[in-house]
Amino acid sequence: MSFRQFPATDSLGESHVILEFKAEQDSGERGDKEPRYELDDGRRLLRSGREFVTAGGELRLTI
């Protein structure tokens, strides 16, 4: 598994860090090949283009 991090901004202009996790191509891992996105506090994010939102919708971020 590899990861990268990148900055995002919420609707109030506050900065956040998004972590993107990807399964390695040749690692033989089973499961989802799509990247997984999380905030640095562990909350999962759903991605739609350049926008990310928490599952409950309380936080919306833009990259």
N, C-alpha and C. Protein backbone atom coordinates (compact mmCIF):
# COMPACT_ATOMS: atom_id res chain seq x y z
N MET A 1 0.84 -1.16 0.00
CA MET A 1 0.00 0.00 0.00
C MET A 1 0.90 1.24 0.00
N SER A 2 0.53 2.20 -0.81
CA SER A 2 1.24 3.47 -0.84
C SER A 2 0.27 4.58 -0.50
N PHE A 3 0.82 5.72 -0.11
CA PHE A 3 -0.05 6.84 0.17
C PHE A 3 0.62 8.14 -0.22
N ARG A 4 -0.21 9.17 -0.39
CA ARG A 4 0.29 10.52 -0.59
C ARG A 4 -0.65 11.45 0.16
N GLN A 5 -0.18 12.63 0.42
CA GLN A 5 -1.02 13.61 1.09
C GLN A 5 -1.04 14.90 0.29
N PHE A 6 -2.17 15.60 0.38
CA PHE A 6 -2.27 16.87 -0.34
C PHE A 6 -3.21 17.81 0.41
N PRO A 7 -3.02 19.11 0.21
CA PRO A 7 -3.82 20.10 0.92
C PRO A 7 -5.20 20.28 0.30
N ALA A 8 -6.14 20.66 1.15
CA ALA A 8 -7.51 20.98 0.71
C ALA A 8 -8.03 22.10 1.60
N THR A 9 -9.08 22.75 1.14
CA THR A 9 -9.67 23.87 1.86
C THR A 9 -11.15 23.62 2.06
N ASP A 10 -11.65 23.93 3.27
CA ASP A 10 -13.08 23.77 3.51
C ASP A 10 -13.83 25.05 3.14
N SER A 11 -15.14 25.08 3.36
CA SER A 11 -15.96 26.22 2.95
C SER A 11 -15.67 27.49 3.73
N LEU A 12 -15.01 27.36 4.89
CA LEU A 12 -14.63 28.53 5.69
C LEU A 12 -13.22 29.02 5.37
N GLY A 13 -12.56 28.35 4.43
CA GLY A 13 -11.20 28.72 4.05
C GLY A 13 -10.11 28.10 4.91
N GLU A 14 -10.49 27.19 5.80
CA GLU A 14 -9.50 26.53 6.65
C GLU A 14 -8.81 25.40 5.89
N SER A 15 -7.53 25.23 6.16
CA SER A 15 -6.73 24.20 5.47
C SER A 15 -6.83 22.86 6.19
N HIS A 16 -6.82 21.79 5.40
CA HIS A 16 -6.84 20.42 5.90
C HIS A 16 -5.88 19.60 5.05
N VAL A 17 -5.50 18.44 5.56
CA VAL A 17 -4.65 17.50 4.83
C VAL A 17 -5.47 16.27 4.50
N ILE A 18 -5.50 15.90 3.22
CA ILE A 18 -6.17 14.68 2.77
C ILE A 18 -5.11 13.63 2.49
N LEU A 19 -5.35 12.43 2.98
CA LEU A 19 -4.46 11.29 2.71
C LEU A 19 -5.13 10.39 1.69
N GLU A 20 -4.38 10.00 0.68
CA GLU A 20 -4.87 9.08 -0.35
C GLU A 20 -4.09 7.79 -0.22
N PHE A 21 -4.79 6.67 -0.05
CA PHE A 21 -4.17 5.36 0.06
C PHE A 21 -4.48 4.55 -1.18
N LYS A 22 -3.45 3.93 -1.76
CA LYS A 22 -3.63 3.09 -2.94
C LYS A 22 -2.99 1.74 -2.70
N ALA A 23 -3.67 0.68 -3.16
CA ALA A 23 -3.10 -0.66 -3.11
C ALA A 23 -2.02 -0.77 -4.17
N GLU A 24 -0.95 -1.47 -3.88
CA GLU A 24 0.13 -1.67 -4.85
C GLU A 24 -0.38 -2.55 -5.98
N GLN A 25 0.03 -2.28 -7.19
CA GLN A 25 -0.41 -3.02 -8.38
C GLN A 25 -0.01 -4.50 -8.31
N ASP A 26 1.22 -4.77 -7.92
CA ASP A 26 1.73 -6.14 -7.96
C ASP A 26 1.80 -6.80 -6.59
N SER A 27 1.13 -6.26 -5.59
CA SER A 27 1.26 -6.80 -4.24
C SER A 27 0.43 -8.06 -4.03
N GLY A 28 -0.52 -8.31 -4.92
CA GLY A 28 -1.36 -9.48 -4.77
C GLY A 28 -2.48 -9.29 -3.77
N GLU A 29 -2.64 -8.07 -3.26
CA GLU A 29 -3.70 -7.79 -2.30
C GLU A 29 -5.06 -7.90 -2.99
N ARG A 30 -6.01 -8.45 -2.29
CA ARG A 30 -7.38 -8.52 -2.82
C ARG A 30 -8.15 -7.33 -2.33
N GLY A 31 -9.29 -7.11 -2.96
CA GLY A 31 -10.15 -6.03 -2.51
C GLY A 31 -10.19 -4.88 -3.48
N ASP A 32 -10.56 -3.76 -2.95
CA ASP A 32 -10.81 -2.58 -3.75
C ASP A 32 -9.52 -1.99 -4.32
N LYS A 33 -9.51 -1.75 -5.63
CA LYS A 33 -8.36 -1.15 -6.28
C LYS A 33 -8.48 0.37 -6.34
N GLU A 34 -9.65 0.90 -5.98
CA GLU A 34 -9.86 2.35 -5.97
C GLU A 34 -9.13 2.96 -4.77
N PRO A 35 -8.61 4.17 -4.91
CA PRO A 35 -7.97 4.83 -3.77
C PRO A 35 -8.96 5.06 -2.64
N ARG A 36 -8.45 5.10 -1.43
CA ARG A 36 -9.24 5.43 -0.24
C ARG A 36 -8.74 6.78 0.26
N TYR A 37 -9.66 7.65 0.66
CA TYR A 37 -9.31 8.99 1.11
C TYR A 37 -9.73 9.17 2.56
N GLU A 38 -8.84 9.82 3.34
CA GLU A 38 -9.11 10.08 4.75
C GLU A 38 -8.54 11.43 5.14
N LEU A 39 -9.11 12.00 6.20
CA LEU A 39 -8.51 13.16 6.83
C LEU A 39 -7.40 12.67 7.74
N ASP A 40 -6.53 13.57 8.19
CA ASP A 40 -5.45 13.15 9.06
C ASP A 40 -5.93 12.66 10.42
N ASP A 41 -7.21 12.91 10.77
CA ASP A 41 -7.75 12.39 12.02
C ASP A 41 -8.45 11.03 11.83
N GLY A 42 -8.41 10.48 10.61
CA GLY A 42 -8.94 9.15 10.34
C GLY A 42 -10.34 9.11 9.76
N ARG A 43 -11.02 10.25 9.66
CA ARG A 43 -12.37 10.24 9.08
C ARG A 43 -12.28 9.96 7.58
N ARG A 44 -13.12 9.06 7.11
CA ARG A 44 -13.16 8.70 5.69
C ARG A 44 -13.80 9.81 4.87
N LEU A 45 -13.33 9.95 3.64
CA LEU A 45 -13.86 10.95 2.72
C LEU A 45 -14.34 10.27 1.45
N LEU A 46 -15.38 10.82 0.87
CA LEU A 46 -15.88 10.39 -0.43
C LEU A 46 -15.49 11.45 -1.44
N ARG A 47 -14.98 11.01 -2.60
CA ARG A 47 -14.50 11.95 -3.60
C ARG A 47 -15.46 12.06 -4.76
N SER A 48 -15.62 13.30 -5.22
CA SER A 48 -16.39 13.59 -6.42
C SER A 48 -15.64 14.69 -7.17
N GLY A 49 -14.81 14.28 -8.12
CA GLY A 49 -14.00 15.25 -8.84
C GLY A 49 -12.99 15.91 -7.93
N ARG A 50 -13.09 17.23 -7.80
CA ARG A 50 -12.17 17.99 -6.94
C ARG A 50 -12.74 18.25 -5.54
N GLU A 51 -13.89 17.65 -5.24
CA GLU A 51 -14.52 17.82 -3.94
C GLU A 51 -14.49 16.53 -3.14
N PHE A 52 -14.35 16.69 -1.84
CA PHE A 52 -14.34 15.57 -0.90
C PHE A 52 -15.33 15.91 0.20
N VAL A 53 -16.06 14.91 0.67
CA VAL A 53 -17.03 15.14 1.74
C VAL A 53 -16.96 13.96 2.71
N THR A 54 -17.14 14.27 4.01
CA THR A 54 -17.21 13.20 5.00
C THR A 54 -18.53 12.46 4.83
N ALA A 55 -18.59 11.25 5.35
CA ALA A 55 -19.78 10.40 5.18
C ALA A 55 -21.04 11.07 5.71
N GLY A 56 -20.94 11.81 6.80
CA GLY A 56 -22.09 12.48 7.37
C GLY A 56 -22.39 13.83 6.74
N GLY A 57 -21.50 14.29 5.85
CA GLY A 57 -21.70 15.55 5.16
C GLY A 57 -21.36 16.79 5.96
N GLU A 58 -20.76 16.61 7.16
CA GLU A 58 -20.47 17.76 8.00
C GLU A 58 -19.27 18.58 7.50
N LEU A 59 -18.45 18.00 6.66
CA LEU A 59 -17.28 18.71 6.16
C LEU A 59 -17.14 18.47 4.67
N ARG A 60 -17.00 19.56 3.91
CA ARG A 60 -16.82 19.50 2.46
C ARG A 60 -15.51 20.23 2.13
N LEU A 61 -14.66 19.53 1.38
CA LEU A 61 -13.33 20.08 1.06
C LEU A 61 -13.16 20.18 -0.45
N THR A 62 -12.34 21.12 -0.87
CA THR A 62 -12.01 21.30 -2.29
C THR A 62 -10.50 21.33 -2.44
N ILE A 63 -10.01 20.67 -3.49
CA ILE A 63 -8.58 20.73 -3.79
C ILE A 63 -8.34 21.64 -4.97
